N, C-alpha and C. Protein backbone atom coordinates (compact mmCIF):
# COMPACT_ATOMS: atom_id res chain seq x y z
N MET A 1 14.13 -4.19 18.19
CA MET A 1 13.46 -4.12 16.75
C MET A 1 11.92 -3.65 17.18
N VAL A 2 11.70 -3.26 15.95
CA VAL A 2 10.18 -2.53 15.56
C VAL A 2 9.99 -3.17 14.34
N ASP A 3 8.25 -3.79 14.26
CA ASP A 3 7.66 -4.49 13.45
C ASP A 3 7.18 -3.48 13.28
N HIS A 4 7.04 -2.60 11.84
CA HIS A 4 6.06 -1.97 11.28
C HIS A 4 5.14 -2.78 10.13
N THR A 5 4.32 -2.89 10.15
CA THR A 5 3.07 -3.02 9.25
C THR A 5 2.78 -2.28 8.17
N ALA A 6 2.78 -2.22 6.50
CA ALA A 6 2.50 -1.10 5.99
C ALA A 6 1.09 -1.28 5.71
N PRO A 7 0.23 -0.12 5.19
CA PRO A 7 -1.43 -0.73 4.92
C PRO A 7 -1.84 -1.49 4.32
N ASN A 8 -0.94 -1.01 2.93
CA ASN A 8 -0.97 -2.03 1.88
C ASN A 8 0.47 -3.00 1.45
N GLY A 9 0.78 -2.95 2.63
CA GLY A 9 2.31 -3.58 1.65
C GLY A 9 2.83 -4.71 2.78
N PRO A 10 4.08 -5.41 2.61
CA PRO A 10 4.24 -6.67 3.85
C PRO A 10 4.99 -5.91 4.83
N THR A 11 4.99 -6.65 5.56
CA THR A 11 6.10 -6.05 7.18
C THR A 11 7.65 -6.13 7.09
N HIS A 12 7.45 -5.04 7.80
CA HIS A 12 9.42 -4.80 7.47
C HIS A 12 9.78 -4.58 9.11
N ASP A 13 11.05 -5.47 9.26
CA ASP A 13 11.57 -5.31 10.54
C ASP A 13 12.95 -3.92 10.25
N ILE A 14 12.79 -3.09 11.17
CA ILE A 14 13.67 -2.28 11.38
C ILE A 14 14.08 -2.04 13.04
N ASP A 15 15.83 -1.93 12.41
CA ASP A 15 16.66 -1.92 13.66
C ASP A 15 16.73 -0.72 14.37
N THR A 16 16.23 0.08 15.22
CA THR A 16 16.87 0.98 15.87
C THR A 16 18.18 0.93 17.19
N PRO A 17 18.50 1.84 17.31
CA PRO A 17 19.45 2.38 18.25
C PRO A 17 19.06 2.27 19.83
N ALA A 18 19.76 1.77 20.36
CA ALA A 18 19.35 2.04 21.78
C ALA A 18 19.54 3.05 22.33
N GLY A 19 18.40 3.49 22.96
CA GLY A 19 18.20 5.29 23.38
C GLY A 19 17.41 6.06 22.74
N SER A 20 17.17 5.32 21.41
CA SER A 20 16.20 6.10 20.58
C SER A 20 14.34 5.82 20.65
N PRO A 21 13.92 7.25 20.13
CA PRO A 21 12.86 7.50 20.26
C PRO A 21 11.96 6.55 20.15
N CYS A 22 12.34 5.50 19.41
CA CYS A 22 11.36 4.57 18.61
C CYS A 22 11.31 3.48 19.92
N GLU A 23 12.41 3.21 20.83
CA GLU A 23 12.95 1.69 21.41
C GLU A 23 11.83 2.11 22.55
N GLY A 24 11.49 3.08 23.51
CA GLY A 24 10.34 3.28 24.12
C GLY A 24 8.78 3.11 23.73
N ALA A 25 8.76 3.65 22.29
CA ALA A 25 7.59 3.05 21.68
C ALA A 25 7.20 1.84 21.43
N GLU A 26 8.10 0.41 21.25
CA GLU A 26 7.89 -0.80 21.34
C GLU A 26 7.20 -0.82 22.01
N ALA A 27 6.60 -0.66 23.59
CA ALA A 27 5.93 -1.12 24.61
C ALA A 27 4.58 -0.80 24.24
N GLU A 28 4.23 0.42 23.62
CA GLU A 28 3.22 1.55 23.55
C GLU A 28 2.41 0.68 21.86
N GLY A 29 2.69 0.15 21.27
CA GLY A 29 2.52 -0.38 20.22
C GLY A 29 3.43 0.81 18.78
N SER A 30 2.82 0.23 17.62
CA SER A 30 3.05 0.37 16.40
C SER A 30 2.53 2.16 16.22
N ASP A 31 1.95 2.25 16.67
CA ASP A 31 1.31 3.79 16.72
C ASP A 31 2.23 5.28 17.05
N ALA A 32 2.86 4.67 18.37
CA ALA A 32 4.28 5.65 18.82
C ALA A 32 5.12 5.79 17.55
N VAL A 33 5.49 5.16 16.98
CA VAL A 33 6.52 5.66 15.50
C VAL A 33 6.01 6.14 14.50
N ALA A 34 4.95 5.81 14.37
CA ALA A 34 3.93 7.20 13.69
C ALA A 34 3.87 8.72 14.27
N ALA A 35 4.06 8.14 15.18
CA ALA A 35 3.97 9.79 15.94
C ALA A 35 4.59 10.79 15.72
N GLY A 36 5.75 11.03 16.10
CA GLY A 36 7.03 12.10 15.93
C GLY A 36 8.16 11.47 14.49
N THR A 37 8.66 10.09 14.75
CA THR A 37 9.77 9.98 14.01
C THR A 37 9.73 9.68 12.65
N GLN A 38 10.32 9.57 11.87
CA GLN A 38 10.12 8.84 10.65
C GLN A 38 11.51 8.49 10.12
N HIS A 39 11.70 7.22 9.51
CA HIS A 39 12.72 6.54 9.50
C HIS A 39 12.72 6.16 7.89
N VAL A 40 13.81 6.44 7.24
CA VAL A 40 14.21 6.22 5.83
C VAL A 40 14.71 5.26 5.18
N ILE A 41 14.71 3.75 4.76
CA ILE A 41 14.67 2.87 4.60
C ILE A 41 15.26 2.88 2.68
N PRO A 42 16.78 2.87 3.00
CA PRO A 42 17.08 3.14 1.52
C PRO A 42 17.08 2.08 0.85
N VAL A 43 16.63 1.90 -0.78
CA VAL A 43 16.40 0.61 -1.51
C VAL A 43 17.75 1.16 -2.17
N ILE A 44 18.28 -0.11 -2.58
CA ILE A 44 19.54 0.34 -3.90
C ILE A 44 19.44 -1.03 -4.93
N ALA A 45 19.02 -0.14 -6.26
CA ALA A 45 19.25 -1.31 -6.92
C ALA A 45 20.63 -0.86 -7.79
N GLU A 46 21.31 -1.93 -8.31
CA GLU A 46 22.44 -2.06 -9.15
C GLU A 46 21.88 -1.59 -10.99
N THR A 47 22.37 -0.93 -11.69
CA THR A 47 22.28 -0.76 -13.05
C THR A 47 23.23 -1.55 -13.93
N LEU A 48 23.27 -1.81 -15.00
CA LEU A 48 24.60 -1.96 -15.91
C LEU A 48 24.24 -1.15 -17.17
N GLU A 49 25.35 -0.65 -17.81
CA GLU A 49 25.33 0.02 -18.78
C GLU A 49 26.43 -0.49 -19.47
N VAL A 50 25.81 -1.13 -21.10
CA VAL A 50 26.64 -1.81 -21.85
C VAL A 50 27.35 -0.69 -22.75
N GLY A 51 28.55 -0.95 -23.87
CA GLY A 51 28.64 0.20 -24.51
C GLY A 51 29.70 -1.05 -25.59
N ARG A 52 29.47 -0.57 -26.74
CA ARG A 52 30.77 -1.17 -27.30
C ARG A 52 31.65 -0.05 -27.82
N ARG A 53 33.39 -0.71 -28.05
CA ARG A 53 34.35 0.41 -28.87
C ARG A 53 34.53 -0.32 -29.78
N GLU A 54 35.36 0.32 -30.86
CA GLU A 54 35.76 0.40 -32.54
C GLU A 54 37.10 0.05 -31.77
N LEU A 55 37.67 -0.94 -32.38
CA LEU A 55 39.31 -1.25 -32.13
C LEU A 55 39.46 -1.41 -33.56
N GLN A 56 40.70 -0.69 -33.95
CA GLN A 56 41.40 -0.23 -34.81
C GLN A 56 42.08 -1.48 -35.49
N GLY A 57 42.23 -2.36 -36.07
CA GLY A 57 43.41 -3.37 -36.79
C GLY A 57 43.47 -3.85 -38.37
N ALA A 58 43.89 -5.73 -38.71
CA ALA A 58 44.35 -5.42 -39.91
C ALA A 58 44.13 -7.07 -39.74
N VAL A 59 43.68 -7.48 -41.26
CA VAL A 59 44.27 -9.00 -41.40
C VAL A 59 45.09 -9.01 -42.72
N ARG A 60 45.88 -9.77 -42.34
CA ARG A 60 46.83 -10.32 -43.72
C ARG A 60 47.24 -11.85 -43.35
N ILE A 61 46.62 -11.82 -45.41
CA ILE A 61 46.17 -13.27 -46.10
C ILE A 61 47.56 -13.38 -46.44
N ARG A 62 47.84 -14.93 -46.14
CA ARG A 62 49.25 -15.11 -46.83
C ARG A 62 49.43 -16.78 -47.99
N LYS A 63 49.72 -16.91 -49.07
CA LYS A 63 50.09 -17.97 -49.40
C LYS A 63 51.36 -18.74 -49.11
N VAL A 64 51.39 -20.05 -48.87
CA VAL A 64 52.50 -20.61 -49.05
C VAL A 64 52.35 -21.67 -49.93
N VAL A 65 53.23 -22.10 -50.91
CA VAL A 65 53.36 -23.36 -51.83
C VAL A 65 54.31 -24.19 -51.24
N HIS A 66 53.74 -25.40 -51.35
CA HIS A 66 54.60 -26.40 -50.62
C HIS A 66 54.76 -27.37 -51.43
N ASP A 67 55.88 -27.62 -51.70
CA ASP A 67 56.53 -28.60 -52.92
C ASP A 67 56.34 -30.25 -52.37
N ASN A 68 55.76 -31.23 -53.23
CA ASN A 68 55.24 -32.63 -53.35
C ASN A 68 55.88 -33.60 -54.11
N PRO A 69 57.15 -33.73 -53.46
CA PRO A 69 57.72 -34.75 -54.88
C PRO A 69 57.11 -36.55 -54.74
N LEU A 70 56.55 -36.62 -55.72
CA LEU A 70 55.97 -38.10 -55.84
C LEU A 70 56.41 -38.94 -57.15
N THR A 71 56.95 -40.19 -56.96
CA THR A 71 56.53 -40.69 -58.27
C THR A 71 55.25 -41.85 -58.67
N ILE A 72 54.95 -41.30 -60.33
CA ILE A 72 54.21 -41.90 -60.75
C ILE A 72 54.73 -42.68 -61.70
N ASP A 73 53.69 -44.05 -61.91
CA ASP A 73 54.00 -45.19 -62.20
C ASP A 73 53.25 -45.23 -63.53
N GLU A 74 53.35 -45.02 -65.21
CA GLU A 74 52.47 -44.49 -65.80
C GLU A 74 52.26 -46.01 -67.26
N THR A 75 51.64 -46.45 -68.00
CA THR A 75 51.87 -47.23 -68.88
C THR A 75 52.15 -46.22 -70.08
N LEU A 76 53.14 -46.53 -70.87
CA LEU A 76 53.54 -45.88 -72.00
C LEU A 76 53.16 -46.63 -73.53
N ARG A 77 52.86 -46.26 -74.58
CA ARG A 77 52.76 -47.51 -75.52
C ARG A 77 53.56 -46.95 -76.68
N ASP A 78 54.09 -47.63 -77.38
CA ASP A 78 54.79 -47.47 -78.53
C ASP A 78 54.56 -47.82 -79.39
N GLU A 79 55.04 -47.54 -80.70
CA GLU A 79 54.93 -48.60 -82.32
C GLU A 79 55.79 -47.86 -82.76
N ARG A 80 56.21 -49.08 -82.97
CA ARG A 80 57.57 -49.55 -83.92
C ARG A 80 56.93 -49.64 -85.40
N VAL A 81 57.89 -49.65 -86.39
CA VAL A 81 57.19 -50.02 -87.55
C VAL A 81 58.55 -50.72 -88.52
N SER A 82 58.48 -52.34 -88.71
CA SER A 82 59.31 -52.68 -89.41
C SER A 82 59.12 -53.03 -90.94
N VAL A 83 60.05 -52.56 -91.68
CA VAL A 83 60.22 -52.81 -93.43
C VAL A 83 60.53 -54.10 -93.96
N GLU A 84 59.76 -54.61 -94.66
CA GLU A 84 60.52 -56.18 -95.38
C GLU A 84 60.25 -55.69 -96.75
N ARG A 85 61.17 -56.41 -97.69
CA ARG A 85 61.23 -55.79 -98.98
C ARG A 85 61.67 -56.95 -99.60
N VAL A 86 60.01 -57.35 -100.74
CA VAL A 86 60.20 -58.76 -101.02
C VAL A 86 60.16 -58.10 -102.86
N ALA A 87 61.42 -59.27 -103.03
CA ALA A 87 61.30 -59.16 -104.59
C ALA A 87 60.21 -60.07 -105.20
N ILE A 88 59.55 -59.62 -106.36
CA ILE A 88 58.62 -60.14 -107.15
C ILE A 88 58.67 -60.32 -108.58
N GLY A 89 59.18 -59.24 -109.54
CA GLY A 89 59.91 -59.20 -110.87
C GLY A 89 58.51 -59.96 -111.67
N ARG A 90 57.30 -59.53 -111.28
CA ARG A 90 55.98 -59.90 -112.14
C ARG A 90 55.85 -58.82 -113.02
N ARG A 91 55.27 -59.35 -114.50
CA ARG A 91 54.87 -57.93 -115.40
C ARG A 91 52.99 -57.85 -115.11
N LEU A 92 52.38 -56.38 -115.35
CA LEU A 92 51.73 -55.69 -114.32
C LEU A 92 50.93 -55.16 -116.10
N ASP A 93 49.83 -55.49 -115.90
CA ASP A 93 49.04 -54.42 -117.17
C ASP A 93 48.67 -53.14 -116.86
N GLY A 94 48.65 -52.40 -115.70
CA GLY A 94 48.29 -51.13 -115.11
C GLY A 94 49.30 -51.28 -113.89
N PRO A 95 48.88 -50.09 -113.26
CA PRO A 95 49.63 -49.29 -112.16
C PRO A 95 48.46 -50.21 -111.09
N VAL A 96 49.19 -50.00 -109.96
CA VAL A 96 48.69 -51.58 -108.70
C VAL A 96 48.76 -50.10 -107.45
N GLY A 97 47.78 -50.20 -106.58
CA GLY A 97 47.36 -49.38 -105.21
C GLY A 97 47.50 -50.16 -103.89
N ILE A 98 48.31 -49.20 -103.15
CA ILE A 98 48.22 -49.75 -102.16
C ILE A 98 47.52 -51.10 -101.57
N ARG A 99 47.87 -52.27 -100.96
CA ARG A 99 46.91 -52.43 -100.50
C ARG A 99 46.62 -53.06 -98.73
N HIS A 100 46.30 -53.65 -98.30
CA HIS A 100 46.13 -53.85 -96.89
C HIS A 100 45.95 -55.77 -97.27
N GLU A 101 46.33 -56.77 -96.04
CA GLU A 101 46.83 -57.85 -95.43
C GLU A 101 46.60 -57.94 -94.17
N GLY A 102 45.63 -58.31 -93.69
CA GLY A 102 45.90 -57.64 -92.27
C GLY A 102 46.01 -56.38 -91.75
N ASP A 103 47.11 -56.63 -90.72
CA ASP A 103 47.67 -55.38 -90.40
C ASP A 103 49.08 -54.62 -90.60
N VAL A 104 49.12 -55.64 -92.23
CA VAL A 104 50.24 -55.36 -92.98
C VAL A 104 49.96 -54.62 -93.93
N MET A 105 50.26 -53.47 -94.07
CA MET A 105 50.49 -52.41 -95.64
C MET A 105 51.08 -52.62 -96.43
N ILE A 106 50.69 -52.85 -97.64
CA ILE A 106 52.01 -53.27 -98.78
C ILE A 106 52.33 -52.62 -99.93
N ILE A 107 53.23 -51.89 -100.19
CA ILE A 107 53.04 -50.65 -101.17
C ILE A 107 53.70 -51.15 -102.11
N PRO A 108 53.39 -51.14 -103.34
CA PRO A 108 53.97 -52.14 -104.47
C PRO A 108 55.05 -50.91 -105.06
N VAL A 109 56.04 -51.37 -105.55
CA VAL A 109 57.05 -50.80 -106.21
C VAL A 109 57.20 -50.84 -107.97
N VAL A 110 57.19 -50.12 -108.53
CA VAL A 110 56.96 -50.48 -109.92
C VAL A 110 58.22 -49.74 -110.53
N GLU A 111 58.46 -50.12 -111.87
CA GLU A 111 59.57 -49.34 -113.09
C GLU A 111 59.32 -49.93 -114.07
N GLU A 112 59.80 -49.19 -115.03
CA GLU A 112 59.44 -49.23 -116.48
C GLU A 112 60.88 -49.61 -116.74
N ARG A 113 60.71 -50.50 -117.76
CA ARG A 113 62.12 -51.39 -118.57
C ARG A 113 61.59 -51.56 -119.98
N LEU A 114 62.57 -50.85 -120.25
CA LEU A 114 62.37 -50.88 -121.81
C LEU A 114 63.05 -51.96 -123.02
N VAL A 115 62.15 -52.57 -123.53
CA VAL A 115 62.12 -53.60 -124.68
C VAL A 115 61.38 -53.22 -125.23
N VAL A 116 61.33 -54.39 -126.22
CA VAL A 116 61.00 -53.83 -127.75
C VAL A 116 59.50 -53.02 -127.63
N GLU A 117 58.77 -53.47 -126.46
CA GLU A 117 57.94 -53.04 -125.97
C GLU A 117 58.01 -52.79 -124.44
N LYS A 118 57.46 -51.81 -124.45
CA LYS A 118 57.02 -50.98 -122.92
C LYS A 118 56.57 -51.72 -121.92
N ARG A 119 56.66 -52.34 -120.92
CA ARG A 119 55.87 -53.04 -120.55
C ARG A 119 56.20 -52.71 -118.50
N LEU A 120 54.84 -53.26 -118.17
CA LEU A 120 55.07 -52.44 -116.40
C LEU A 120 55.28 -53.98 -115.69
N VAL A 121 56.06 -53.58 -114.37
CA VAL A 121 56.73 -54.82 -114.30
C VAL A 121 57.02 -54.50 -113.07
N LEU A 122 56.42 -55.34 -111.38
CA LEU A 122 56.32 -55.03 -110.47
C LEU A 122 57.79 -55.68 -109.98
N VAL A 123 58.71 -54.99 -109.10
CA VAL A 123 59.86 -55.37 -108.99
C VAL A 123 59.83 -55.45 -107.47
N GLU A 124 59.44 -55.21 -106.53
CA GLU A 124 59.30 -55.57 -105.41
C GLU A 124 57.80 -54.77 -104.67
N GLU A 125 57.94 -55.53 -103.57
CA GLU A 125 56.64 -55.17 -102.78
C GLU A 125 57.37 -54.31 -101.36
N ILE A 126 57.27 -53.39 -100.65
CA ILE A 126 57.38 -53.36 -99.44
C ILE A 126 56.22 -53.41 -98.84
N ARG A 127 56.48 -54.29 -97.63
CA ARG A 127 55.83 -54.95 -96.40
C ARG A 127 55.95 -53.98 -95.28
N VAL A 128 55.28 -53.27 -94.75
CA VAL A 128 55.17 -52.17 -93.53
C VAL A 128 54.00 -52.57 -92.56
N ARG A 129 54.63 -53.93 -91.08
CA ARG A 129 53.62 -54.10 -90.10
C ARG A 129 54.32 -53.28 -89.06
N ARG A 130 53.06 -53.22 -88.57
CA ARG A 130 53.15 -52.33 -87.19
C ARG A 130 53.30 -53.15 -85.96
N GLU A 131 54.30 -52.85 -84.86
CA GLU A 131 54.13 -53.54 -84.07
C GLU A 131 54.22 -52.49 -82.54
N VAL A 132 52.92 -52.86 -82.02
CA VAL A 132 52.59 -52.37 -81.16
C VAL A 132 53.29 -52.87 -79.36
N GLN A 133 54.31 -52.33 -78.39
CA GLN A 133 54.35 -52.69 -77.51
C GLN A 133 54.00 -51.60 -76.34
N THR A 134 53.85 -52.53 -75.05
CA THR A 134 53.46 -51.34 -73.82
C THR A 134 54.46 -51.59 -73.13
N ARG A 135 55.04 -51.03 -71.93
CA ARG A 135 56.03 -50.67 -70.93
C ARG A 135 55.86 -50.01 -70.10
N ARG A 136 56.41 -50.02 -68.67
CA ARG A 136 55.79 -49.15 -67.55
C ARG A 136 57.35 -48.12 -67.51
N GLU A 137 57.28 -46.87 -67.38
CA GLU A 137 57.88 -46.38 -67.05
C GLU A 137 57.94 -45.42 -65.92
N PRO A 138 58.31 -45.30 -64.46
CA PRO A 138 58.14 -44.74 -63.88
C PRO A 138 58.65 -42.70 -64.02
N GLN A 139 58.32 -42.41 -63.71
CA GLN A 139 58.76 -40.71 -63.99
C GLN A 139 58.50 -39.64 -62.35
N HIS A 140 59.57 -39.03 -61.81
CA HIS A 140 59.72 -38.33 -61.12
C HIS A 140 59.20 -36.75 -60.98
N VAL A 141 57.84 -36.56 -60.55
CA VAL A 141 57.44 -35.35 -60.69
C VAL A 141 57.76 -34.75 -59.74
N THR A 142 57.41 -33.46 -59.43
CA THR A 142 57.34 -32.53 -58.31
C THR A 142 55.84 -31.58 -58.39
N LEU A 143 55.11 -32.31 -57.88
CA LEU A 143 53.53 -31.55 -57.47
C LEU A 143 54.00 -30.23 -56.64
N ARG A 144 53.19 -29.03 -56.82
CA ARG A 144 53.15 -27.92 -55.85
C ARG A 144 51.52 -27.41 -54.93
N GLN A 145 51.70 -27.34 -54.08
CA GLN A 145 50.08 -26.98 -53.11
C GLN A 145 50.39 -25.84 -52.46
N GLU A 146 48.44 -25.13 -52.75
CA GLU A 146 49.16 -24.00 -52.10
C GLU A 146 48.31 -23.87 -50.81
N GLN A 147 48.54 -23.33 -49.61
CA GLN A 147 48.04 -23.26 -48.46
C GLN A 147 47.79 -21.60 -48.21
N VAL A 148 46.44 -21.43 -47.60
CA VAL A 148 46.19 -20.25 -47.30
C VAL A 148 46.25 -19.68 -45.46
N VAL A 149 47.00 -19.09 -45.01
CA VAL A 149 47.23 -18.28 -43.98
C VAL A 149 46.59 -17.23 -43.83
N VAL A 150 45.90 -16.89 -42.69
CA VAL A 150 45.09 -16.10 -42.60
C VAL A 150 45.47 -15.40 -41.09
N GLU A 151 46.33 -14.16 -40.70
CA GLU A 151 46.73 -13.45 -40.08
C GLU A 151 45.71 -12.43 -39.40
N ARG A 152 46.02 -12.22 -37.91
CA ARG A 152 45.01 -10.98 -37.61
C ARG A 152 46.03 -9.58 -36.65
N LEU A 153 45.93 -8.21 -37.28
CA LEU A 153 47.00 -7.48 -36.47
C LEU A 153 46.49 -7.13 -34.95
N ASP A 154 46.71 -7.23 -33.94
CA ASP A 154 46.11 -6.86 -32.82
C ASP A 154 46.51 -5.18 -32.88
N PRO A 155 45.32 -4.57 -32.27
CA PRO A 155 46.04 -2.96 -32.31
C PRO A 155 46.52 -2.58 -30.96
N ARG A 156 46.33 -3.61 -29.48
CA ARG A 156 47.11 -2.79 -28.39
C ARG A 156 48.36 -3.31 -28.90
N THR A 157 49.09 -5.07 -28.94
CA THR A 157 50.25 -5.03 -29.20
C THR A 157 50.86 -5.21 -30.45
N GLN A 158 50.29 -4.61 -31.47
CA GLN A 158 50.98 -4.42 -33.20
C GLN A 158 51.48 -5.86 -33.23
N THR A 159 51.26 -7.17 -33.23
CA THR A 159 51.62 -8.02 -33.17
C THR A 159 50.64 -9.24 -34.11
N TRP A 160 50.80 -9.81 -34.79
CA TRP A 160 50.15 -10.45 -35.77
C TRP A 160 50.10 -12.17 -35.21
N SER A 161 48.91 -12.50 -35.21
CA SER A 161 48.16 -13.86 -34.63
C SER A 161 47.45 -14.43 -35.83
N GLY A 162 48.16 -15.92 -35.74
CA GLY A 162 47.12 -16.26 -37.03
C GLY A 162 45.73 -17.31 -36.45
N LEU A 163 44.72 -16.70 -37.45
CA LEU A 163 43.83 -16.72 -37.67
C LEU A 163 43.12 -18.08 -37.76
N GLU A 164 43.77 -18.60 -38.90
CA GLU A 164 43.57 -20.04 -38.94
C GLU A 164 44.12 -19.90 -40.47
N ALA A 165 44.71 -21.86 -40.65
CA ALA A 165 45.28 -22.08 -41.89
C ALA A 165 44.30 -22.84 -42.59
N SER A 166 44.20 -22.92 -43.87
CA SER A 166 43.16 -23.34 -44.65
C SER A 166 43.80 -24.27 -45.30
N ALA A 167 43.53 -25.84 -44.58
CA ALA A 167 44.19 -27.02 -45.47
C ALA A 167 43.67 -27.05 -47.28
N PRO A 168 44.82 -27.46 -48.04
CA PRO A 168 44.36 -27.83 -49.05
C PRO A 168 43.15 -28.82 -49.66
N ALA A 169 42.39 -28.53 -50.80
CA ALA A 169 41.40 -29.54 -51.01
C ALA A 169 41.55 -31.17 -50.94
N GLU A 170 42.61 -31.15 -51.73
CA GLU A 170 43.37 -33.16 -51.93
C GLU A 170 44.38 -33.23 -50.82
N ALA A 171 44.12 -32.50 -49.45
CA ALA A 171 45.40 -32.57 -48.65
C ALA A 171 44.95 -34.49 -48.20
N ALA A 172 43.48 -34.48 -48.14
CA ALA A 172 43.16 -35.69 -47.66
C ALA A 172 43.19 -36.85 -48.62
N SER A 173 43.38 -36.58 -49.85
CA SER A 173 42.90 -37.71 -51.09
C SER A 173 44.61 -38.28 -51.13
N ASP A 174 44.71 -39.50 -51.72
CA ASP A 174 45.52 -40.59 -52.17
C ASP A 174 47.06 -39.53 -53.35
N PRO A 175 47.98 -39.42 -53.10
CA PRO A 175 48.80 -38.83 -54.09
C PRO A 175 48.65 -39.20 -55.40
N GLY A 176 48.41 -40.54 -55.82
CA GLY A 176 48.19 -40.83 -57.10
C GLY A 176 46.90 -40.60 -57.40
N ASP A 177 46.23 -40.14 -57.04
CA ASP A 177 44.75 -40.08 -57.18
C ASP A 177 44.68 -38.17 -57.90
N ARG A 178 45.94 -37.68 -58.00
CA ARG A 178 46.36 -36.48 -58.36
C ARG A 178 46.26 -36.24 -59.96
N VAL A 179 46.87 -37.50 -60.18
CA VAL A 179 47.60 -37.61 -61.78
C VAL A 179 46.33 -37.85 -62.98
N ALA A 180 46.59 -37.29 -63.73
CA ALA A 180 45.40 -37.23 -64.67
C ALA A 180 45.66 -38.49 -65.66
N ARG A 181 44.64 -39.19 -65.80
CA ARG A 181 45.34 -40.84 -66.33
C ARG A 181 44.15 -40.55 -67.69
């Protein structure tokens, strides 16, 4: 092995085969190598080339509709009218209008009777009373929910693969919250 020191650089060890002209020069000093032989030391560096290639493919978007049956229980309001007829039989001086007593509307019913003179007589009153009842009535309804599925076409295998499936915005909420009140 020969030790070579470059004038402005680091020291390199060079392996020389047995019987080479440099082998005897080792005893004489480093000047003998420079006298007649030249050694080439290859320096190798790797390089990397980065490139892109464009693949042709496709994306498919599907919409799936799911039916979600649920039962809602809402309060319904019913209004009923009861009619009561009350006989009066009293004379009037002129027409009488509709009047209200609390939640009762009173509609006067009059007729003209022929006597020696013509008189206006209140024959009866019709009393209309409003009654309000509330009750619960369950209804069976079906709500539809859409889901979007995105798929990509692999250009090499020509198969569709799913990228994502979006969950509906209200999927995490309580089904009772979806009913307008």
